[in-house]
PDB file of N, CA and C in Angstrom:
ATOM      1  N   UNK A   1     111.644 107.313  53.505  1.00  0.00           N
ATOM      2  CA  UNK A   1     112.134 107.712  54.813  1.00  0.00           C
ATOM      3  C   UNK A   1     113.461 106.991  55.137  1.00  0.00           C
ATOM      4  N   UNK A   2     114.368 107.668  55.767  1.00  0.00           N
ATOM      5  CA  UNK A   2     115.599 107.101  56.186  1.00  0.00           C
ATOM      6  C   UNK A   2     115.358 105.998  57.283  1.00  0.00           C
ATOM      7  N   UNK A   3     115.888 104.856  57.138  1.00  0.00           N
ATOM      8  CA  UNK A   3     115.662 103.775  58.057  1.00  0.00           C
ATOM      9  C   UNK A   3     116.100 104.122  59.451  1.00  0.00           C
ATOM     10  N   UNK A   4     117.256 104.842  59.592  1.00  0.00           N
ATOM     11  CA  UNK A   4     117.752 105.175  60.895  1.00  0.00           C
ATOM     12  C   UNK A   4     116.827 106.194  61.584  1.00  0.00           C
ATOM     13  N   UNK A   5     116.271 107.125  60.783  1.00  0.00           N
ATOM     14  CA  UNK A   5     115.334 108.116  61.354  1.00  0.00           C
ATOM     15  C   UNK A   5     114.087 107.413  61.844  1.00  0.00           C
ATOM     16  N   UNK A   6     113.643 106.442  61.194  1.00  0.00           N
ATOM     17  CA  UNK A   6     112.432 105.691  61.553  1.00  0.00           C
ATOM     18  C   UNK A   6     112.684 104.982  62.930  1.00  0.00           C
ATOM     19  N   UNK A   7     113.878 104.391  63.058  1.00  0.00           N
ATOM     20  CA  UNK A   7     114.150 103.623  64.285  1.00  0.00           C
ATOM     21  C   UNK A   7     114.229 104.539  65.494  1.00  0.00           C
ATOM     22  N   UNK A   8     114.628 105.726  65.317  1.00  0.00           N
ATOM     23  CA  UNK A   8     114.761 106.637  66.416  1.00  0.00           C
ATOM     24  C   UNK A   8     113.572 107.551  66.633  1.00  0.00           C
ATOM     25  N   UNK A   9     112.576 107.348  65.861  1.00  0.00           N
ATOM     26  CA  UNK A   9     111.360 108.170  65.981  1.00  0.00           C
ATOM     27  C   UNK A   9     110.735 108.060  67.368  1.00  0.00           C
ATOM     28  N   UNK A  10     110.456 109.207  67.967  1.00  0.00           N
ATOM     29  CA  UNK A  10     109.852 109.261  69.335  1.00  0.00           C
ATOM     30  C   UNK A  10     108.476 108.645  69.382  1.00  0.00           C
ATOM     31  N   UNK A  11     107.844 108.418  68.198  1.00  0.00           N
ATOM     32  CA  UNK A  11     106.512 107.781  68.230  1.00  0.00           C
ATOM     33  C   UNK A  11     106.653 106.286  68.026  1.00  0.00           C
ATOM     34  N   UNK A  12     107.815 105.826  67.603  1.00  0.00           N
ATOM     35  CA  UNK A  12     108.065 104.339  67.446  1.00  0.00           C
ATOM     36  C   UNK A  12     108.680 103.729  68.679  1.00  0.00           C
ATOM     37  N   UNK A  13     109.576 104.421  69.251  1.00  0.00           N
ATOM     38  CA  UNK A  13     110.230 103.962  70.532  1.00  0.00           C
ATOM     39  C   UNK A  13     109.150 103.879  71.658  1.00  0.00           C
ATOM     40  N   UNK A  14     109.140 102.812  72.364  1.00  0.00           N
ATOM     41  CA  UNK A  14     108.107 102.537  73.326  1.00  0.00           C
ATOM     42  C   UNK A  14     108.660 102.366  74.780  1.00  0.00           C
ATOM     43  N   UNK A  15     107.842 102.665  75.685  1.00  0.00           N
ATOM     44  CA  UNK A  15     108.096 102.367  77.134  1.00  0.00           C
ATOM     45  C   UNK A  15     107.024 101.475  77.617  1.00  0.00           C
ATOM     46  N   UNK A  16     107.391 100.431  78.342  1.00  0.00           N
ATOM     47  CA  UNK A  16     106.422  99.536  79.031  1.00  0.00           C
ATOM     48  C   UNK A  16     106.523  99.860  80.507  1.00  0.00           C
ATOM     49  N   UNK A  17     105.352 100.145  81.122  1.00  0.00           N
ATOM     50  CA  UNK A  17     105.288 100.399  82.516  1.00  0.00           C
ATOM     51  C   UNK A  17     104.539  99.266  83.175  1.00  0.00           C
ATOM     52  N   UNK A  18     105.075  98.758  84.228  1.00  0.00           N
ATOM     53  CA  UNK A  18     104.441  97.722  84.993  1.00  0.00           C
ATOM     54  C   UNK A  18     104.136  98.240  86.409  1.00  0.00           C
ATOM     55  N   UNK A  19     102.892  98.338  86.798  1.00  0.00           N
ATOM     56  CA  UNK A  19     102.461  98.838  88.141  1.00  0.00           C
ATOM     57  C   UNK A  19     101.825  97.712  88.857  1.00  0.00           C
ATOM     58  N   UNK A  20     102.220  97.504  90.062  1.00  0.00           N
ATOM     59  CA  UNK A  20     101.620  96.392  90.877  1.00  0.00           C
ATOM     60  C   UNK A  20     101.395  96.660  92.271  1.00  0.00           C
ATOM     61  N   UNK A  21     100.444  95.925  92.877  1.00  0.00           N
ATOM     62  CA  UNK A  21     100.147  95.984  94.265  1.00  0.00           C
ATOM     63  C   UNK A  21      99.924  94.554  94.658  1.00  0.00           C
ATOM     64  N   UNK A  22     100.962  93.992  95.319  1.00  0.00           N
ATOM     65  CA  UNK A  22     100.941  92.539  95.624  1.00  0.00           C
ATOM     66  C   UNK A  22     100.833  92.322  97.164  1.00  0.00           C
ATOM     67  N   UNK A  23     100.045  91.347  97.609  1.00  0.00           N
ATOM     68  CA  UNK A  23      99.941  91.151  99.068  1.00  0.00           C
ATOM     69  C   UNK A  23     101.297  90.655  99.565  1.00  0.00           C
ATOM     70  N   UNK A  24     101.608  91.022 100.858  1.00  0.00           N
ATOM     71  CA  UNK A  24     102.855  90.612 101.465  1.00  0.00           C
ATOM     72  C   UNK A  24     102.659  90.255 102.935  1.00  0.00           C
ATOM     73  N   UNK A  25     101.476  89.716 103.253  1.00  0.00           N
ATOM     74  CA  UNK A  25     101.105  89.359 104.641  1.00  0.00           C
ATOM     75  C   UNK A  25     101.779  88.083 105.062  1.00  0.00           C
ATOM     76  N   UNK A  26     101.856  87.116 104.143  1.00  0.00           N
ATOM     77  CA  UNK A  26     102.448  85.815 104.582  1.00  0.00           C
ATOM     78  C   UNK A  26     103.849  85.684 103.936  1.00  0.00           C
ATOM     79  N   UNK A  27     104.572  84.700 104.433  1.00  0.00           N
ATOM     80  CA  UNK A  27     105.934  84.480 103.908  1.00  0.00           C
ATOM     81  C   UNK A  27     105.828  84.009 102.403  1.00  0.00           C
ATOM     82  N   UNK A  28     104.826  83.253 102.083  1.00  0.00           N
ATOM     83  CA  UNK A  28     104.647  82.838 100.694  1.00  0.00           C
ATOM     84  C   UNK A  28     104.346  84.024  99.811  1.00  0.00           C
ATOM     85  N   UNK A  29     103.520  84.969 100.226  1.00  0.00           N
ATOM     86  CA  UNK A  29     103.178  86.150  99.467  1.00  0.00           C
ATOM     87  C   UNK A  29     104.410  87.062  99.291  1.00  0.00           C
ATOM     88  N   UNK A  30     105.206  87.252 100.415  1.00  0.00           N
ATOM     89  CA  UNK A  30     106.411  88.063 100.266  1.00  0.00           C
ATOM     90  C   UNK A  30     107.386  87.428  99.268  1.00  0.00           C
ATOM     91  N   UNK A  31     107.499  86.126  99.266  1.00  0.00           N
ATOM     92  CA  UNK A  31     108.371  85.453  98.375  1.00  0.00           C
ATOM     93  C   UNK A  31     107.955  85.648  96.893  1.00  0.00           C
ATOM     94  N   UNK A  32     106.620  85.499  96.715  1.00  0.00           N
ATOM     95  CA  UNK A  32     106.107  85.709  95.364  1.00  0.00           C
ATOM     96  C   UNK A  32     106.272  87.106  94.853  1.00  0.00           C
ATOM     97  N   UNK A  33     106.065  88.109  95.793  1.00  0.00           N
ATOM     98  CA  UNK A  33     106.310  89.527  95.388  1.00  0.00           C
ATOM     99  C   UNK A  33     107.755  89.801  95.099  1.00  0.00           C
ATOM    100  N   UNK A  34     108.614  89.277  95.882  1.00  0.00           N
ATOM    101  CA  UNK A  34     110.104  89.443  95.610  1.00  0.00           C
ATOM    102  C   UNK A  34     110.505  88.794  94.316  1.00  0.00           C
ATOM    103  N   UNK A  35     109.975  87.588  94.045  1.00  0.00           N
ATOM    104  CA  UNK A  35     110.331  86.852  92.818  1.00  0.00           C
ATOM    105  C   UNK A  35     109.824  87.682  91.571  1.00  0.00           C
ATOM    106  N   UNK A  36     108.580  88.264  91.658  1.00  0.00           N
ATOM    107  CA  UNK A  36     108.073  89.051  90.562  1.00  0.00           C
ATOM    108  C   UNK A  36     108.972  90.227  90.274  1.00  0.00           C
ATOM    109  N   UNK A  37     109.297  90.964  91.338  1.00  0.00           N
ATOM    110  CA  UNK A  37     110.192  92.103  91.197  1.00  0.00           C
ATOM    111  C   UNK A  37     111.603  91.716  90.598  1.00  0.00           C
ATOM    112  N   UNK A  38     112.135  90.633  91.035  1.00  0.00           N
ATOM    113  CA  UNK A  38     113.447  90.107  90.599  1.00  0.00           C
ATOM    114  C   UNK A  38     113.368  89.715  89.102  1.00  0.00           C
ATOM    115  N   UNK A  39     112.290  89.082  88.732  1.00  0.00           N
ATOM    116  CA  UNK A  39     112.149  88.669  87.328  1.00  0.00           C
ATOM    117  C   UNK A  39     111.919  89.862  86.424  1.00  0.00           C
ATOM    118  N   UNK A  40     111.218  90.898  86.920  1.00  0.00           N
ATOM    119  CA  UNK A  40     111.074  92.123  86.113  1.00  0.00           C
ATOM    120  C   UNK A  40     112.438  92.709  85.849  1.00  0.00           C
ATOM    121  N   UNK A  41     113.301  92.803  86.885  1.00  0.00           N
ATOM    122  CA  UNK A  41     114.630  93.373  86.699  1.00  0.00           C
ATOM    123  C   UNK A  41     115.509  92.521  85.763  1.00  0.00           C
ATOM    124  N   UNK A  42     115.383  91.210  85.835  1.00  0.00           N
ATOM    125  CA  UNK A  42     116.118  90.363  84.993  1.00  0.00           C
ATOM    126  C   UNK A  42     115.706  90.556  83.477  1.00  0.00           C
ATOM    127  N   UNK A  43     114.465  91.055  83.265  1.00  0.00           N
ATOM    128  CA  UNK A  43     113.982  91.275  81.924  1.00  0.00           C
ATOM    129  C   UNK A  43     114.352  92.672  81.473  1.00  0.00           C
ATOM    130  N   UNK A  44     115.112  93.426  82.239  1.00  0.00           N
ATOM    131  CA  UNK A  44     115.512  94.762  81.812  1.00  0.00           C
ATOM    132  C   UNK A  44     114.674  95.945  82.338  1.00  0.00           C
ATOM    133  N   UNK A  45     113.719  95.643  83.228  1.00  0.00           N
ATOM    134  CA  UNK A  45     112.926  96.757  83.844  1.00  0.00           C
ATOM    135  C   UNK A  45     113.749  97.394  84.962  1.00  0.00           C
ATOM    136  N   UNK A  46     113.493  98.738  85.142  1.00  0.00           N
ATOM    137  CA  UNK A  46     114.135  99.474  86.159  1.00  0.00           C
ATOM    138  C   UNK A  46     113.042 100.134  87.037  1.00  0.00           C
ATOM    139  N   UNK A  47     113.361 100.202  88.313  1.00  0.00           N
ATOM    140  CA  UNK A  47     112.371 100.826  89.218  1.00  0.00           C
ATOM    141  C   UNK A  47     112.248 102.326  88.947  1.00  0.00           C
ATOM    142  N   UNK A  48     110.969 102.702  88.720  1.00  0.00           N
ATOM    143  CA  UNK A  48     110.630 104.138  88.508  1.00  0.00           C
ATOM    144  C   UNK A  48     110.145 104.710  89.833  1.00  0.00           C
ATOM    145  N   UNK A  49     109.277 103.975  90.535  1.00  0.00           N
ATOM    146  CA  UNK A  49     108.822 104.263  91.879  1.00  0.00           C
ATOM    147  C   UNK A  49     108.594 102.906  92.524  1.00  0.00           C
ATOM    148  N   UNK A  50     108.319 102.943  93.852  1.00  0.00           N
ATOM    149  CA  UNK A  50     107.972 101.627  94.489  1.00  0.00           C
ATOM    150  C   UNK A  50     106.833 101.015  93.798  1.00  0.00           C
ATOM    151  N   UNK A  51     106.913  99.780  93.445  1.00  0.00           N
ATOM    152  CA  UNK A  51     105.859  98.972  92.770  1.00  0.00           C
ATOM    153  C   UNK A  51     105.550  99.510  91.379  1.00  0.00           C
ATOM    154  N   UNK A  52     106.478 100.223  90.728  1.00  0.00           N
ATOM    155  CA  UNK A  52     106.310 100.666  89.355  1.00  0.00           C
ATOM    156  C   UNK A  52     107.657 100.553  88.645  1.00  0.00           C
ATOM    157  N   UNK A  53     107.685  99.704  87.632  1.00  0.00           N
ATOM    158  CA  UNK A  53     108.928  99.501  86.890  1.00  0.00           C
ATOM    159  C   UNK A  53     108.674  99.854  85.429  1.00  0.00           C
ATOM    160  N   UNK A  54     109.766 100.359  84.773  1.00  0.00           N
ATOM    161  CA  UNK A  54     109.665 100.769  83.359  1.00  0.00           C
ATOM    162  C   UNK A  54     110.793 100.078  82.540  1.00  0.00           C
ATOM    163  N   UNK A  55     110.466  99.913  81.305  1.00  0.00           N
ATOM    164  CA  UNK A  55     111.447  99.362  80.324  1.00  0.00           C
ATOM    165  C   UNK A  55     111.339 100.006  79.013  1.00  0.00           C
ATOM    166  N   UNK A  56     112.478 100.435  78.498  1.00  0.00           N
ATOM    167  CA  UNK A  56     112.562 101.072  77.177  1.00  0.00           C
ATOM    168  C   UNK A  56     112.680 100.002  76.104  1.00  0.00           C
ATOM    169  N   UNK A  57     111.981 100.192  74.991  1.00  0.00           N
ATOM    170  CA  UNK A  57     112.093  99.275  73.845  1.00  0.00           C
ATOM    171  C   UNK A  57     112.178 100.059  72.639  1.00  0.00           C
ATOM    172  N   UNK A  58     112.942  99.483  71.592  1.00  0.00           N
ATOM    173  CA  UNK A  58     113.230 100.212  70.354  1.00  0.00           C
ATOM    174  C   UNK A  58     111.974 100.258  69.464  1.00  0.00           C
ATOM    175  N   UNK A  59     111.001  99.344  69.686  1.00  0.00           N
ATOM    176  CA  UNK A  59     109.826  99.373  68.807  1.00  0.00           C
ATOM    177  C   UNK A  59     108.632  98.836  69.581  1.00  0.00           C
ATOM    178  N   UNK A  60     107.474  98.963  68.983  1.00  0.00           N
ATOM    179  CA  UNK A  60     106.273  98.458  69.635  1.00  0.00           C
ATOM    180  C   UNK A  60     106.294  96.935  69.620  1.00  0.00           C
ATOM    181  N   UNK A  61     106.885  96.313  68.556  1.00  0.00           N
ATOM    182  CA  UNK A  61     106.965  94.887  68.519  1.00  0.00           C
ATOM    183  C   UNK A  61     107.778  94.330  69.668  1.00  0.00           C
ATOM    184  N   UNK A  62     108.948  95.019  69.944  1.00  0.00           N
ATOM    185  CA  UNK A  62     109.816  94.601  71.032  1.00  0.00           C
ATOM    186  C   UNK A  62     109.062  94.792  72.373  1.00  0.00           C
ATOM    187  N   UNK A  63     108.342  95.933  72.533  1.00  0.00           N
ATOM    188  CA  UNK A  63     107.574  96.183  73.749  1.00  0.00           C
ATOM    189  C   UNK A  63     106.557  95.074  73.958  1.00  0.00           C
ATOM    190  N   UNK A  64     105.883  94.606  72.903  1.00  0.00           N
ATOM    191  CA  UNK A  64     104.906  93.535  73.020  1.00  0.00           C
ATOM    192  C   UNK A  64     105.550  92.270  73.543  1.00  0.00           C
ATOM    193  N   UNK A  65     106.787  91.991  73.073  1.00  0.00           N
ATOM    194  CA  UNK A  65     107.467  90.805  73.615  1.00  0.00           C
ATOM    195  C   UNK A  65     107.630  90.853  75.101  1.00  0.00           C
ATOM    196  N   UNK A  66     108.011  92.032  75.596  1.00  0.00           N
ATOM    197  CA  UNK A  66     108.229  92.201  77.013  1.00  0.00           C
ATOM    198  C   UNK A  66     106.883  92.192  77.827  1.00  0.00           C
ATOM    199  N   UNK A  67     105.828  92.720  77.169  1.00  0.00           N
ATOM    200  CA  UNK A  67     104.509  92.664  77.794  1.00  0.00           C
ATOM    201  C   UNK A  67     104.039  91.212  77.954  1.00  0.00           C
ATOM    202  N   UNK A  68     104.170  90.425  76.900  1.00  0.00           N
ATOM    203  CA  UNK A  68     103.865  89.018  77.003  1.00  0.00           C
ATOM    204  C   UNK A  68     104.697  88.274  78.070  1.00  0.00           C
ATOM    205  N   UNK A  69     105.956  88.629  78.160  1.00  0.00           N
ATOM    206  CA  UNK A  69     106.830  88.007  79.163  1.00  0.00           C
ATOM    207  C   UNK A  69     106.374  88.383  80.570  1.00  0.00           C
ATOM    208  N   UNK A  70     105.963  89.586  80.804  1.00  0.00           N
ATOM    209  CA  UNK A  70     105.440  89.975  82.136  1.00  0.00           C
ATOM    210  C   UNK A  70     104.210  89.171  82.457  1.00  0.00           C
ATOM    211  N   UNK A  71     103.378  88.941  81.485  1.00  0.00           N
ATOM    212  CA  UNK A  71     102.118  88.207  81.730  1.00  0.00           C
ATOM    213  C   UNK A  71     102.435  86.738  82.170  1.00  0.00           C
ATOM    214  N   UNK A  72     103.618  86.214  81.789  1.00  0.00           N
ATOM    215  CA  UNK A  72     103.937  84.885  82.208  1.00  0.00           C
ATOM    216  C   UNK A  72     104.482  84.827  83.640  1.00  0.00           C
ATOM    217  N   UNK A  73     104.877  85.986  84.132  1.00  0.00           N
ATOM    218  CA  UNK A  73     105.472  86.141  85.475  1.00  0.00           C
ATOM    219  C   UNK A  73     104.448  86.461  86.570  1.00  0.00           C
ATOM    220  N   UNK A  74     103.178  86.753  86.152  1.00  0.00           N
ATOM    221  CA  UNK A  74     102.162  87.225  87.131  1.00  0.00           C
ATOM    222  C   UNK A  74     102.076  86.286  88.298  1.00  0.00           C
ATOM    223  N   UNK A  75     102.102  86.866  89.506  1.00  0.00           N
ATOM    224  CA  UNK A  75     101.863  86.066  90.731  1.00  0.00           C
ATOM    225  C   UNK A  75     100.400  85.678  90.852  1.00  0.00           C
ATOM    226  N   UNK A  76     100.095  84.741  91.670  1.00  0.00           N
ATOM    227  CA  UNK A  76      98.796  84.172  91.797  1.00  0.00           C
ATOM    228  C   UNK A  76      97.782  85.217  92.328  1.00  0.00           C
ATOM    229  N   UNK A  77      98.234  86.079  93.246  1.00  0.00           N
ATOM    230  CA  UNK A  77      97.392  87.069  93.834  1.00  0.00           C
ATOM    231  C   UNK A  77      97.969  88.445  93.649  1.00  0.00           C
ATOM    232  N   UNK A  78      97.063  89.485  93.779  1.00  0.00           N
ATOM    233  CA  UNK A  78      97.474  90.847  93.677  1.00  0.00           C
ATOM    234  C   UNK A  78      97.049  91.470  92.352  1.00  0.00           C
ATOM    235  N   UNK A  79      97.366  92.756  92.190  1.00  0.00           N
ATOM    236  CA  UNK A  79      96.995  93.534  91.038  1.00  0.00           C
ATOM    237  C   UNK A  79      98.239  93.957  90.277  1.00  0.00           C
ATOM    238  N   UNK A  80      98.178  93.733  88.925  1.00  0.00           N
ATOM    239  CA  UNK A  80      99.289  94.174  88.085  1.00  0.00           C
ATOM    240  C   UNK A  80      98.672  94.901  86.884  1.00  0.00           C
ATOM    241  N   UNK A  81      99.227  96.063  86.574  1.00  0.00           N
ATOM    242  CA  UNK A  81      98.799  96.825  85.351  1.00  0.00           C
ATOM    243  C   UNK A  81      99.974  97.000  84.462  1.00  0.00           C
ATOM    244  N   UNK A  82      99.733  96.789  83.152  1.00  0.00           N
ATOM    245  CA  UNK A  82     100.820  96.970  82.177  1.00  0.00           C
ATOM    246  C   UNK A  82     100.353  98.046  81.201  1.00  0.00           C
ATOM    247  N   UNK A  83     101.185  99.078  81.029  1.00  0.00           N
ATOM    248  CA  UNK A  83     100.826 100.219  80.156  1.00  0.00           C
ATOM    249  C   UNK A  83     101.976 100.395  79.193  1.00  0.00           C
ATOM    250  N   UNK A  84     101.679 100.564  77.906  1.00  0.00           N
ATOM    251  CA  UNK A  84     102.705 100.914  76.922  1.00  0.00           C
ATOM    252  C   UNK A  84     102.453 102.292  76.371  1.00  0.00           C
ATOM    253  N   UNK A  85     103.500 103.118  76.339  1.00  0.00           N
ATOM    254  CA  UNK A  85     103.381 104.445  75.840  1.00  0.00           C
ATOM    255  C   UNK A  85     104.603 104.698  74.932  1.00  0.00           C
ATOM    256  N   UNK A  86     104.420 105.749  74.059  1.00  0.00           N
ATOM    257  CA  UNK A  86     105.550 106.094  73.145  1.00  0.00           C
ATOM    258  C   UNK A  86     106.594 106.903  74.020  1.00  0.00           C
ATOM    259  N   UNK A  87     107.793 106.996  73.437  1.00  0.00           N
ATOM    260  CA  UNK A  87     108.816 107.751  74.058  1.00  0.00           C
ATOM    261  C   UNK A  87     108.405 109.239  74.063  1.00  0.00           C
ATOM    262  N   UNK A  88     107.659 109.693  73.131  1.00  0.00           N
ATOM    263  CA  UNK A  88     107.155 111.058  73.103  1.00  0.00           C
ATOM    264  C   UNK A  88     106.244 111.346  74.312  1.00  0.00           C
ATOM    265  N   UNK A  89     105.343 110.354  74.578  1.00  0.00           N
ATOM    266  CA  UNK A  89     104.487 110.510  75.724  1.00  0.00           C
ATOM    267  C   UNK A  89     105.238 110.417  77.072  1.00  0.00           C
ATOM    268  N   UNK A  90     106.178 109.512  77.130  1.00  0.00           N
ATOM    269  CA  UNK A  90     106.996 109.350  78.344  1.00  0.00           C
ATOM    270  C   UNK A  90     107.790 110.654  78.598  1.00  0.00           C
ATOM    271  N   UNK A  91     108.226 111.302  77.577  1.00  0.00           N
ATOM    272  CA  UNK A  91     108.971 112.539  77.684  1.00  0.00           C
ATOM    273  C   UNK A  91     108.157 113.693  78.247  1.00  0.00           C
ATOM    274  N   UNK A  92     106.821 113.555  78.253  1.00  0.00           N
ATOM    275  CA  UNK A  92     105.935 114.631  78.793  1.00  0.00           C
ATOM    276  C   UNK A  92     105.660 114.477  80.245  1.00  0.00           C
ATOM    277  N   UNK A  93     106.159 113.492  80.875  1.00  0.00           N
ATOM    278  CA  UNK A  93     105.991 113.259  82.323  1.00  0.00           C
ATOM    279  C   UNK A  93     106.680 114.422  83.051  1.00  0.00           C
ATOM    280  N   UNK A  94     105.959 114.959  84.007  1.00  0.00           N
ATOM    281  CA  UNK A  94     106.547 115.966  84.948  1.00  0.00           C
ATOM    282  C   UNK A  94     106.844 115.285  86.178  1.00  0.00           C
ATOM    283  N   UNK A  95     108.134 115.274  86.611  1.00  0.00           N
ATOM    284  CA  UNK A  95     108.572 114.524  87.756  1.00  0.00           C
ATOM    285  C   UNK A  95     108.972 115.415  88.851  1.00  0.00           C
ATOM    286  N   UNK A  96     108.418 115.173  90.060  1.00  0.00           N
ATOM    287  CA  UNK A  96     108.744 116.084  91.223  1.00  0.00           C
ATOM    288  C   UNK A  96     109.292 115.217  92.362  1.00  0.00           C
ATOM    289  N   UNK A  97     110.229 115.752  93.070  1.00  0.00           N
ATOM    290  CA  UNK A  97     110.670 115.225  94.352  1.00  0.00           C
ATOM    291  C   UNK A  97     110.349 116.280  95.382  1.00  0.00           C
ATOM    292  N   UNK A  98     109.300 116.065  96.111  1.00  0.00           N
ATOM    293  CA  UNK A  98     108.772 117.111  97.048  1.00  0.00           C
ATOM    294  C   UNK A  98     108.253 118.225  96.160  1.00  0.00           C
ATOM    295  N   UNK A  99     108.660 119.423  96.396  1.00  0.00           N
ATOM    296  CA  UNK A  99     108.157 120.538  95.538  1.00  0.00           C
ATOM    297  C   UNK A  99     109.132 120.912  94.456  1.00  0.00           C
ATOM    298  N   UNK A 100     110.303 120.199  94.331  1.00  0.00           N
ATOM    299  CA  UNK A 100     111.293 120.504  93.366  1.00  0.00           C
ATOM    300  C   UNK A 100     111.074 119.628  92.097  1.00  0.00           C
ATOM    301  N   UNK A 101     111.052 120.279  90.992  1.00  0.00           N
ATOM    302  CA  UNK A 101     110.915 119.587  89.724  1.00  0.00           C
ATOM    303  C   UNK A 101     112.226 119.044  89.254  1.00  0.00           C
ATOM    304  N   UNK A 102     112.219 117.751  88.735  1.00  0.00           N
ATOM    305  CA  UNK A 102     113.441 117.101  88.314  1.00  0.00           C
ATOM    306  C   UNK A 102     113.263 116.656  86.802  1.00  0.00           C
ATOM    307  N   UNK A 103     114.352 116.547  86.165  1.00  0.00           N
ATOM    308  CA  UNK A 103     114.392 116.059  84.773  1.00  0.00           C
ATOM    309  C   UNK A 103     114.105 114.569  84.798  1.00  0.00           C
ATOM    310  N   UNK A 104     113.617 114.060  83.669  1.00  0.00           N
ATOM    311  CA  UNK A 104     113.418 112.561  83.572  1.00  0.00           C
ATOM    312  C   UNK A 104     114.820 111.892  83.525  1.00  0.00           C
ATOM    313  N   UNK A 105     114.865 110.606  83.895  1.00  0.00           N
ATOM    314  CA  UNK A 105     116.180 109.930  83.712  1.00  0.00           C
ATOM    315  C   UNK A 105     116.535 109.844  82.227  1.00  0.00           C
ATOM    316  N   UNK A 106     117.808 109.719  81.957  1.00  0.00           N
ATOM    317  CA  UNK A 106     118.259 109.620  80.562  1.00  0.00           C
ATOM    318  C   UNK A 106     117.688 108.404  79.894  1.00  0.00           C
ATOM    319  N   UNK A 107     117.313 108.463  78.591  1.00  0.00           N
ATOM    320  CA  UNK A 107     116.874 107.347  77.838  1.00  0.00           C
ATOM    321  C   UNK A 107     118.078 106.481  77.551  1.00  0.00           C
ATOM    322  N   UNK A 108     117.944 105.133  77.827  1.00  0.00           N
ATOM    323  CA  UNK A 108     119.042 104.273  77.611  1.00  0.00           C
ATOM    324  C   UNK A 108     119.485 104.247  76.184  1.00  0.00           C
ATOM    325  N   UNK A 109     120.705 104.319  75.889  1.00  0.00           N
ATOM    326  CA  UNK A 109     121.271 104.274  74.548  1.00  0.00           C
ATOM    327  C   UNK A 109     121.467 102.771  74.162  1.00  0.00           C
ATOM    328  N   UNK A 110     121.003 102.418  73.028  1.00  0.00           N
ATOM    329  CA  UNK A 110     121.168 101.035  72.561  1.00  0.00           C
ATOM    330  C   UNK A 110     122.093 100.983  71.367  1.00  0.00           C
ATOM    331  N   UNK A 111     123.001 100.102  71.386  1.00  0.00           N
ATOM    332  CA  UNK A 111     123.882  99.862  70.313  1.00  0.00           C
ATOM    333  C   UNK A 111     123.297  98.904  69.359  1.00  0.00           C
ATOM    334  N   UNK A 112     123.209  99.310  68.101  1.00  0.00           N
ATOM    335  CA  UNK A 112     122.639  98.476  67.074  1.00  0.00           C
ATOM    336  C   UNK A 112     123.742  97.981  66.125  1.00  0.00           C
ATOM    337  N   UNK A 113     123.926  96.690  66.025  1.00  0.00           N
ATOM    338  CA  UNK A 113     124.986  96.119  65.239  1.00  0.00           C
ATOM    339  C   UNK A 113     124.642  95.801  63.799  1.00  0.00           C
ATOM    340  N   UNK A 114     123.397  95.764  63.459  1.00  0.00           N
ATOM    341  CA  UNK A 114     123.026  95.328  62.074  1.00  0.00           C
ATOM    342  C   UNK A 114     122.489  96.527  61.346  1.00  0.00           C
TER     343      UNK A 114
END
């Protein structure tokens, strides 16, 4: 199999989804929630919906690195879910704004130097 074909395979490319529900009743809780969100974005995650962030990875091994990193960022309280799916599965999402169907956001293009 061609190495480049394998790297771009829709079953090899992964998406990591982080969904969370964090308490924000006290100043300390709001600060922890804001820090968690900020650290997700610093690790390359983008907001998909409120309290749901996604990150594109070139491989399952790379996705695992980011999953482990998210686990180190977990706040003391609240619920956090981490889900990894293939690019093929992500592409099957039907996205609606109200009653109007919209296309998925473009897949980030990554430049590979080696």
